[in-house]
Amino acid sequence: MIFVINENRPVAKEVFRMVLRAAIANEEVRLRPGQFVNIAVEGCYLRRPISVCDWDARTQTLTLLYKTVGTGTRALARCVPGTSLDLLTGLGNGYTPVEARRPALLGGGVGTPPLYFLAKELAGAGQKPVAVLGFNTKDEMFYHEEFATLCDVIVTTADGSYGQKGFVTDALPGLAYDALYVCGPEPMLQAVFAQARALPAGHAQFSFERRMGCGFGACMVCSCKTTAGYKRICKDGPILTKEEILWT
């Protein structure tokens, strides 16, 4: 599907916000929090998977936040408004919201974006989420103000330059939560997992990242072992519940 860039600008150190609009309105586009899109980038053989930060079905507007870490994302950062991009949309399984009074959304760095979309959905359903956003330094921080329009927010920085010094796991013990939705680097996921054992089945959901080829389950490159056998992170994930996860 073709999208046209409306906006593409930096919002933090090496982090860009891209807003796109569907070139032709398509009511069949359905996006859920935790899903991703796969973008064809000029000069790159493989598409680049980027998690969905926000989707407005009424205006057919898609918001992505991405970090410039390689050739593909640096090429995306050079794209100007008006540029057309070819996207595969609605990839991955997405988060499955559960009944909860106080869900906690834990994001680490560029794991933060998909939790914004989720916060909108949970708040719209009458839940009272709290977002815990972790960054290395204040310079790398982004979207905390946008989260604050939807829910309570706690920011942690590893160097203490903003908010609470430490990591997202340091903020967890002081929270009363009955569900966890997590996205971030794998060491963070593993640390949070250790604090989520007491939650009911399905109430702790983790978003995993793997190197991908096709992005829709055909090539098997991103397969990982789970309690239910091997699963493809791009197709059967990227969201896994704590009951499925095996740390190898």
C-alpha atoms as a PDB file:
ATOM      1  CA  MET A   1       0.000   0.000   0.000  1.00  0.00           C
ATOM      2  CA  ILE A   2       1.319   3.455  -0.866  1.00  0.00           C
ATOM      3  CA  PHE A   3       1.577   6.125   1.840  1.00  0.00           C
ATOM      4  CA  VAL A   4       2.724   9.714   1.406  1.00  0.00           C
ATOM      5  CA  ILE A   5       4.890  11.423   4.012  1.00  0.00           C
ATOM      6  CA  ASN A   6       3.273  14.434   5.685  1.00  0.00           C
ATOM      7  CA  GLU A   7       6.002  14.983   8.271  1.00  0.00           C
ATOM      8  CA  ASN A   8       9.442  13.536   9.031  1.00  0.00           C
ATOM      9  CA  ARG A   9      11.447  15.280  11.741  1.00  0.00           C
ATOM     10  CA  PRO A  10      13.729  14.528  14.698  1.00  0.00           C
ATOM     11  CA  VAL A  11      12.110  14.390  18.157  1.00  0.00           C
ATOM     12  CA  ALA A  12      15.144  13.277  20.190  1.00  0.00           C
ATOM     13  CA  LYS A  13      18.732  12.188  19.705  1.00  0.00           C
ATOM     14  CA  GLU A  14      18.722   9.955  16.592  1.00  0.00           C
ATOM     15  CA  VAL A  15      14.934   9.458  16.863  1.00  0.00           C
ATOM     16  CA  PHE A  16      12.539  10.641  14.127  1.00  0.00           C
ATOM     17  CA  ARG A  17       8.764  10.995  13.957  1.00  0.00           C
ATOM     18  CA  MET A  18       7.230  10.204  10.583  1.00  0.00           C
ATOM     19  CA  VAL A  19       3.572  10.896   9.837  1.00  0.00           C
ATOM     20  CA  LEU A  20       2.127   9.379   6.668  1.00  0.00           C
ATOM     21  CA  ARG A  21      -1.238   9.385   4.980  1.00  0.00           C
ATOM     22  CA  ALA A  22      -2.653   6.655   2.761  1.00  0.00           C
ATOM     23  CA  ALA A  23      -2.353   7.782  -0.870  1.00  0.00           C
ATOM     24  CA  ILE A  24      -5.724   6.150  -1.598  1.00  0.00           C
ATOM     25  CA  ALA A  25      -8.221   5.684   1.232  1.00  0.00           C
ATOM     26  CA  ASN A  26      -8.520   2.002   2.060  1.00  0.00           C
ATOM     27  CA  GLU A  27     -11.103   0.953   4.620  1.00  0.00           C
ATOM     28  CA  GLU A  28      -9.563  -2.532   4.771  1.00  0.00           C
ATOM     29  CA  VAL A  29      -6.531  -1.244   6.667  1.00  0.00           C
ATOM     30  CA  ARG A  30      -6.792  -2.478  10.247  1.00  0.00           C
ATOM     31  CA  LEU A  31      -3.993  -1.774  12.700  1.00  0.00           C
ATOM     32  CA  ARG A  32      -3.707  -2.862  16.327  1.00  0.00           C
ATOM     33  CA  PRO A  33      -1.297  -1.721  19.057  1.00  0.00           C
ATOM     34  CA  GLY A  34       1.846  -3.823  18.913  1.00  0.00           C
ATOM     35  CA  GLN A  35       1.665  -4.483  15.177  1.00  0.00           C
ATOM     36  CA  PHE A  36       4.254  -3.164  12.723  1.00  0.00           C
ATOM     37  CA  VAL A  37       4.639  -2.080   9.121  1.00  0.00           C
ATOM     38  CA  ASN A  38       7.366  -3.140   6.705  1.00  0.00           C
ATOM     39  CA  ILE A  39       8.720  -0.312   4.570  1.00  0.00           C
ATOM     40  CA  ALA A  40      10.430  -0.620   1.195  1.00  0.00           C
ATOM     41  CA  VAL A  41      13.479   1.660   1.311  1.00  0.00           C
ATOM     42  CA  GLU A  42      15.227   2.750  -1.864  1.00  0.00           C
ATOM     43  CA  GLY A  43      18.641   1.130  -2.148  1.00  0.00           C
ATOM     44  CA  CYS A  44      17.884  -1.594   0.416  1.00  0.00           C
ATOM     45  CA  TYR A  45      17.101  -5.192  -0.558  1.00  0.00           C
ATOM     46  CA  LEU A  46      15.025  -5.944   2.540  1.00  0.00           C
ATOM     47  CA  ARG A  47      12.158  -3.867   3.889  1.00  0.00           C
ATOM     48  CA  ARG A  48      12.524  -2.186   7.271  1.00  0.00           C
ATOM     49  CA  PRO A  49      10.074  -3.187  10.047  1.00  0.00           C
ATOM     50  CA  ILE A  50       8.840  -0.251  12.169  1.00  0.00           C
ATOM     51  CA  SER A  51       6.303  -0.555  14.995  1.00  0.00           C
ATOM     52  CA  VAL A  52       3.086   1.441  14.763  1.00  0.00           C
ATOM     53  CA  CYS A  53       2.989   4.398  17.149  1.00  0.00           C
ATOM     54  CA  ASP A  54      -0.472   5.584  16.161  1.00  0.00           C
ATOM     55  CA  TRP A  55      -3.160   5.021  13.539  1.00  0.00           C
ATOM     56  CA  ASP A  56      -6.161   7.227  12.815  1.00  0.00           C
ATOM     57  CA  ALA A  57      -8.601   5.220  10.692  1.00  0.00           C
ATOM     58  CA  ARG A  58     -10.772   8.280  10.081  1.00  0.00           C
ATOM     59  CA  THR A  59      -8.006  10.307   8.455  1.00  0.00           C
ATOM     60  CA  GLN A  60      -5.984   7.264   7.296  1.00  0.00           C
ATOM     61  CA  THR A  61      -2.968   8.746   9.070  1.00  0.00           C
ATOM     62  CA  LEU A  62      -0.112   6.600  10.351  1.00  0.00           C
ATOM     63  CA  THR A  63       2.527   7.738  12.870  1.00  0.00           C
ATOM     64  CA  LEU A  64       5.888   5.997  13.206  1.00  0.00           C
ATOM     65  CA  LEU A  65       8.788   6.704  15.555  1.00  0.00           C
ATOM     66  CA  TYR A  66      12.134   5.198  14.580  1.00  0.00           C
ATOM     67  CA  LYS A  67      15.794   5.418  15.538  1.00  0.00           C
ATOM     68  CA  THR A  68      18.499   5.904  12.901  1.00  0.00           C
ATOM     69  CA  VAL A  69      20.671   2.863  13.562  1.00  0.00           C
ATOM     70  CA  GLY A  70      21.596   1.666  10.075  1.00  0.00           C
ATOM     71  CA  THR A  71      21.495   2.234   6.323  1.00  0.00           C
ATOM     72  CA  GLY A  72      17.731   1.807   5.995  1.00  0.00           C
ATOM     73  CA  THR A  73      16.633   4.062   8.838  1.00  0.00           C
ATOM     74  CA  ARG A  74      19.179   6.719   7.856  1.00  0.00           C
ATOM     75  CA  ALA A  75      17.675   6.645   4.352  1.00  0.00           C
ATOM     76  CA  LEU A  76      14.205   7.056   5.868  1.00  0.00           C
ATOM     77  CA  ALA A  77      15.433  10.063   7.843  1.00  0.00           C
ATOM     78  CA  ARG A  78      16.399  11.760   4.579  1.00  0.00           C
ATOM     79  CA  CYS A  79      12.907  11.409   3.098  1.00  0.00           C
ATOM     80  CA  VAL A  80      11.060  14.708   2.727  1.00  0.00           C
ATOM     81  CA  PRO A  81       7.320  15.463   2.927  1.00  0.00           C
ATOM     82  CA  GLY A  82       5.576  14.429  -0.277  1.00  0.00           C
ATOM     83  CA  THR A  83       7.703  11.296  -0.701  1.00  0.00           C
ATOM     84  CA  SER A  84       5.719   8.131  -1.432  1.00  0.00           C
ATOM     85  CA  LEU A  85       6.606   4.913   0.408  1.00  0.00           C
ATOM     86  CA  ASP A  86       5.450   1.349  -0.207  1.00  0.00           C
ATOM     87  CA  LEU A  87       4.286  -0.244   3.075  1.00  0.00           C
ATOM     88  CA  LEU A  88       3.061  -3.672   4.100  1.00  0.00           C
ATOM     89  CA  THR A  89       0.629  -2.948   6.942  1.00  0.00           C
ATOM     90  CA  GLY A  90      -1.042  -4.846   9.770  1.00  0.00           C
ATOM     91  CA  LEU A  91       1.871  -7.225  10.354  1.00  0.00           C
ATOM     92  CA  GLY A  92       2.252  -9.236  13.564  1.00  0.00           C
ATOM     93  CA  ASN A  93      -0.325 -10.219  16.151  1.00  0.00           C
ATOM     94  CA  GLY A  94      -0.404  -7.107  18.351  1.00  0.00           C
ATOM     95  CA  TYR A  95      -1.244  -6.801  22.032  1.00  0.00           C
ATOM     96  CA  THR A  96      -4.435  -8.406  23.352  1.00  0.00           C
ATOM     97  CA  PRO A  97      -5.938  -6.063  25.969  1.00  0.00           C
ATOM     98  CA  VAL A  98      -7.195  -7.800  29.109  1.00  0.00           C
ATOM     99  CA  GLU A  99      -9.601  -6.652  31.807  1.00  0.00           C
ATOM    100  CA  ALA A 100      -7.530  -4.695  34.295  1.00  0.00           C
ATOM    101  CA  ARG A 101      -7.954  -1.791  36.677  1.00  0.00           C
ATOM    102  CA  ARG A 102      -4.361  -0.518  36.528  1.00  0.00           C
ATOM    103  CA  PRO A 103      -2.331  -1.855  33.599  1.00  0.00           C
ATOM    104  CA  ALA A 104       1.336  -0.866  33.478  1.00  0.00           C
ATOM    105  CA  LEU A 105       2.952  -0.081  30.125  1.00  0.00           C
ATOM    106  CA  LEU A 106       6.734  -0.416  30.196  1.00  0.00           C
ATOM    107  CA  GLY A 107       8.764   0.970  27.300  1.00  0.00           C
ATOM    108  CA  GLY A 108      12.517   1.034  26.893  1.00  0.00           C
ATOM    109  CA  GLY A 109      13.919   3.550  24.394  1.00  0.00           C
ATOM    110  CA  VAL A 110      12.495   2.907  20.926  1.00  0.00           C
ATOM    111  CA  GLY A 111      10.300   0.240  22.508  1.00  0.00           C
ATOM    112  CA  THR A 112       8.111   3.131  23.647  1.00  0.00           C
ATOM    113  CA  PRO A 113       6.141   3.904  20.414  1.00  0.00           C
ATOM    114  CA  PRO A 114       3.719   0.939  20.227  1.00  0.00           C
ATOM    115  CA  LEU A 115       2.708   1.525  23.844  1.00  0.00           C
ATOM    116  CA  TYR A 116       1.343   4.957  22.950  1.00  0.00           C
ATOM    117  CA  PHE A 117      -1.206   3.389  20.592  1.00  0.00           C
ATOM    118  CA  LEU A 118      -2.020   0.862  23.322  1.00  0.00           C
ATOM    119  CA  ALA A 119      -2.436   3.592  25.951  1.00  0.00           C
ATOM    120  CA  LYS A 120      -5.016   5.276  23.700  1.00  0.00           C
ATOM    121  CA  GLU A 121      -6.967   2.058  23.354  1.00  0.00           C
ATOM    122  CA  LEU A 122      -6.886   1.190  27.061  1.00  0.00           C
ATOM    123  CA  ALA A 123      -7.805   4.714  28.163  1.00  0.00           C
ATOM    124  CA  GLY A 124     -10.626   4.745  25.629  1.00  0.00           C
ATOM    125  CA  ALA A 125     -11.945   1.514  27.165  1.00  0.00           C
ATOM    126  CA  GLY A 126     -12.081   3.132  30.595  1.00  0.00           C
ATOM    127  CA  GLN A 127      -8.920   1.623  32.072  1.00  0.00           C
ATOM    128  CA  LYS A 128      -6.378   3.693  34.035  1.00  0.00           C
ATOM    129  CA  PRO A 129      -2.968   2.790  32.620  1.00  0.00           C
ATOM    130  CA  VAL A 130       0.358   4.012  33.922  1.00  0.00           C
ATOM    131  CA  ALA A 131       3.277   4.302  31.486  1.00  0.00           C
ATOM    132  CA  VAL A 132       6.859   3.764  32.656  1.00  0.00           C
ATOM    133  CA  LEU A 133       9.248   5.031  29.993  1.00  0.00           C
ATOM    134  CA  GLY A 134      12.951   4.306  30.261  1.00  0.00           C
ATOM    135  CA  PHE A 135      15.792   6.088  28.477  1.00  0.00           C
ATOM    136  CA  ASN A 136      19.557   6.256  28.861  1.00  0.00           C
ATOM    137  CA  THR A 137      19.687  10.062  29.111  1.00  0.00           C
ATOM    138  CA  LYS A 138      17.415  13.089  28.878  1.00  0.00           C
ATOM    139  CA  ASP A 139      18.682  13.734  25.327  1.00  0.00           C
ATOM    140  CA  GLU A 140      17.201  10.415  24.196  1.00  0.00           C
ATOM    141  CA  MET A 141      13.783  11.010  25.795  1.00  0.00           C
ATOM    142  CA  PHE A 142      10.693  11.444  23.627  1.00  0.00           C
ATOM    143  CA  TYR A 143       6.883  11.268  23.676  1.00  0.00           C
ATOM    144  CA  HIS A 144       6.508  11.496  27.463  1.00  0.00           C
ATOM    145  CA  GLU A 145       4.316  14.582  27.046  1.00  0.00           C
ATOM    146  CA  GLU A 146       2.084  12.790  24.544  1.00  0.00           C
ATOM    147  CA  PHE A 147       1.652   9.875  26.953  1.00  0.00           C
ATOM    148  CA  ALA A 148       0.762  12.329  29.726  1.00  0.00           C
ATOM    149  CA  THR A 149      -2.378  13.353  27.816  1.00  0.00           C
ATOM    150  CA  LEU A 150      -3.608   9.756  28.109  1.00  0.00           C
ATOM    151  CA  CYS A 151      -2.343   8.369  31.404  1.00  0.00           C
ATOM    152  CA  ASP A 152       0.003   8.739  34.357  1.00  0.00           C
ATOM    153  CA  VAL A 153       3.665   8.716  33.314  1.00  0.00           C
ATOM    154  CA  ILE A 154       6.890   7.818  35.086  1.00  0.00           C
ATOM    155  CA  VAL A 155      10.179   8.513  33.288  1.00  0.00           C
ATOM    156  CA  THR A 156      13.428   6.825  34.255  1.00  0.00           C
ATOM    157  CA  THR A 157      16.888   7.635  32.921  1.00  0.00           C
ATOM    158  CA  ALA A 158      19.937   5.474  33.491  1.00  0.00           C
ATOM    159  CA  ASP A 159      22.118   8.503  34.281  1.00  0.00           C
ATOM    160  CA  GLY A 160      19.503  10.351  36.358  1.00  0.00           C
ATOM    161  CA  SER A 161      19.411  13.342  34.002  1.00  0.00           C
ATOM    162  CA  TYR A 162      15.588  13.319  34.049  1.00  0.00           C
ATOM    163  CA  GLY A 163      12.934  11.722  36.214  1.00  0.00           C
ATOM    164  CA  GLN A 164      13.808   8.731  38.363  1.00  0.00           C
ATOM    165  CA  LYS A 165      17.374   7.478  38.141  1.00  0.00           C
ATOM    166  CA  GLY A 166      17.631   3.866  37.081  1.00  0.00           C
ATOM    167  CA  PHE A 167      15.647   1.530  34.863  1.00  0.00           C
ATOM    168  CA  VAL A 168      11.966   0.778  34.318  1.00  0.00           C
ATOM    169  CA  THR A 169      12.286  -2.252  36.604  1.00  0.00           C
ATOM    170  CA  ASP A 170      13.302   0.068  39.441  1.00  0.00           C
ATOM    171  CA  ALA A 171       9.925   1.808  39.198  1.00  0.00           C
ATOM    172  CA  LEU A 172       7.838  -1.378  39.162  1.00  0.00           C
ATOM    173  CA  PRO A 173       7.963  -2.296  42.877  1.00  0.00           C
ATOM    174  CA  GLY A 174       6.246   0.966  43.828  1.00  0.00           C
ATOM    175  CA  LEU A 175       3.319   0.440  41.451  1.00  0.00           C
ATOM    176  CA  ALA A 176       0.028  -1.328  42.040  1.00  0.00           C
ATOM    177  CA  TYR A 177      -0.645  -2.984  38.679  1.00  0.00           C
ATOM    178  CA  ASP A 178      -2.692  -5.948  37.544  1.00  0.00           C
ATOM    179  CA  ALA A 179      -1.439  -6.274  33.938  1.00  0.00           C
ATOM    180  CA  LEU A 180       1.848  -5.624  32.147  1.00  0.00           C
ATOM    181  CA  TYR A 181       2.510  -4.691  28.540  1.00  0.00           C
ATOM    182  CA  VAL A 182       6.208  -4.456  27.732  1.00  0.00           C
ATOM    183  CA  CYS A 183       8.350  -3.403  24.764  1.00  0.00           C
ATOM    184  CA  GLY A 184      12.088  -2.810  24.774  1.00  0.00           C
ATOM    185  CA  PRO A 185      15.492  -4.483  24.484  1.00  0.00           C
ATOM    186  CA  GLU A 186      15.616  -8.146  25.449  1.00  0.00           C
ATOM    187  CA  PRO A 187      17.632  -7.699  28.691  1.00  0.00           C
ATOM    188  CA  MET A 188      14.866  -5.352  29.859  1.00  0.00           C
ATOM    189  CA  LEU A 189      12.178  -7.874  28.896  1.00  0.00           C
ATOM    190  CA  GLN A 190      13.945 -10.566  30.886  1.00  0.00           C
ATOM    191  CA  ALA A 191      14.284  -8.325  33.933  1.00  0.00           C
ATOM    192  CA  VAL A 192      10.583  -7.409  33.818  1.00  0.00           C
ATOM    193  CA  PHE A 193       9.641 -11.066  33.312  1.00  0.00           C
ATOM    194  CA  ALA A 194      11.179 -11.886  36.682  1.00  0.00           C
ATOM    195  CA  GLN A 195       8.739  -9.461  38.325  1.00  0.00           C
ATOM    196  CA  ALA A 196       5.670 -10.663  36.431  1.00  0.00           C
ATOM    197  CA  ARG A 197       5.402 -14.258  37.619  1.00  0.00           C
ATOM    198  CA  ALA A 198       2.445 -13.630  39.957  1.00  0.00           C
ATOM    199  CA  LEU A 199       0.181 -12.140  37.275  1.00  0.00           C
ATOM    200  CA  PRO A 200      -2.673 -14.252  35.855  1.00  0.00           C
ATOM    201  CA  ALA A 201      -2.225 -15.979  32.508  1.00  0.00           C
ATOM    202  CA  GLY A 202      -2.279 -13.527  29.614  1.00  0.00           C
ATOM    203  CA  HIS A 203      -1.806 -10.498  31.857  1.00  0.00           C
ATOM    204  CA  ALA A 204       1.891 -10.043  31.034  1.00  0.00           C
ATOM    205  CA  GLN A 205       2.614  -9.494  27.340  1.00  0.00           C
ATOM    206  CA  PHE A 206       6.062  -8.856  25.877  1.00  0.00           C
ATOM    207  CA  SER A 207       7.029  -7.500  22.460  1.00  0.00           C
ATOM    208  CA  PHE A 208      10.106  -9.211  20.997  1.00  0.00           C
ATOM    209  CA  GLU A 209      12.443  -8.064  18.262  1.00  0.00           C
ATOM    210  CA  ARG A 210      14.312 -10.306  15.829  1.00  0.00           C
ATOM    211  CA  ARG A 211      16.097  -9.782  12.535  1.00  0.00           C
ATOM    212  CA  MET A 212      13.478 -10.349   9.836  1.00  0.00           C
ATOM    213  CA  GLY A 213      13.476 -11.247   6.178  1.00  0.00           C
ATOM    214  CA  CYS A 214       9.976 -11.211   4.692  1.00  0.00           C
ATOM    215  CA  GLY A 215       8.055  -9.819   7.688  1.00  0.00           C
ATOM    216  CA  PHE A 216       4.981 -12.015   7.158  1.00  0.00           C
ATOM    217  CA  GLY A 217       6.046 -15.531   8.148  1.00  0.00           C
ATOM    218  CA  ALA A 218       7.270 -17.094   4.917  1.00  0.00           C
ATOM    219  CA  CYS A 219      11.045 -17.163   5.367  1.00  0.00           C
ATOM    220  CA  MET A 220      11.234 -18.409   9.000  1.00  0.00           C
ATOM    221  CA  VAL A 221      14.311 -16.237   9.705  1.00  0.00           C
ATOM    222  CA  CYS A 222      12.847 -14.767  12.898  1.00  0.00           C
ATOM    223  CA  SER A 223      11.698 -18.054  14.476  1.00  0.00           C
ATOM    224  CA  CYS A 224      12.265 -18.557  18.194  1.00  0.00           C
ATOM    225  CA  LYS A 225      11.592 -21.436  20.569  1.00  0.00           C
ATOM    226  CA  THR A 226       8.610 -21.084  22.919  1.00  0.00           C
ATOM    227  CA  THR A 227       6.737 -23.397  25.290  1.00  0.00           C
ATOM    228  CA  ALA A 228       4.373 -24.115  22.381  1.00  0.00           C
ATOM    229  CA  GLY A 229       7.186 -24.918  19.926  1.00  0.00           C
ATOM    230  CA  TYR A 230       8.839 -22.609  17.427  1.00  0.00           C
ATOM    231  CA  LYS A 231       7.034 -19.376  16.594  1.00  0.00           C
ATOM    232  CA  ARG A 232       7.754 -16.711  13.984  1.00  0.00           C
ATOM    233  CA  ILE A 233       8.189 -13.339  15.683  1.00  0.00           C
ATOM    234  CA  CYS A 234       6.928 -11.488  12.587  1.00  0.00           C
ATOM    235  CA  LYS A 235       3.763 -13.590  12.214  1.00  0.00           C
ATOM    236  CA  ASP A 236       2.971 -15.353  15.513  1.00  0.00           C
ATOM    237  CA  GLY A 237       4.523 -12.455  17.471  1.00  0.00           C
ATOM    238  CA  PRO A 238       5.992  -9.996  18.070  1.00  0.00           C
ATOM    239  CA  ILE A 239       3.829 -10.221  21.218  1.00  0.00           C
ATOM    240  CA  LEU A 240       4.326 -13.264  23.454  1.00  0.00           C
ATOM    241  CA  THR A 241       2.700 -13.865  26.830  1.00  0.00           C
ATOM    242  CA  LYS A 242       4.859 -14.767  29.818  1.00  0.00           C
ATOM    243  CA  GLU A 243       3.481 -18.306  29.644  1.00  0.00           C
ATOM    244  CA  GLU A 244       4.995 -18.800  26.165  1.00  0.00           C
ATOM    245  CA  ILE A 245       8.446 -17.380  26.789  1.00  0.00           C
ATOM    246  CA  LEU A 246      11.582 -19.508  27.073  1.00  0.00           C
ATOM    247  CA  TRP A 247      14.839 -17.727  27.888  1.00  0.00           C
ATOM    248  CA  THR A 248      17.638 -19.562  26.115  1.00  0.00           C
END
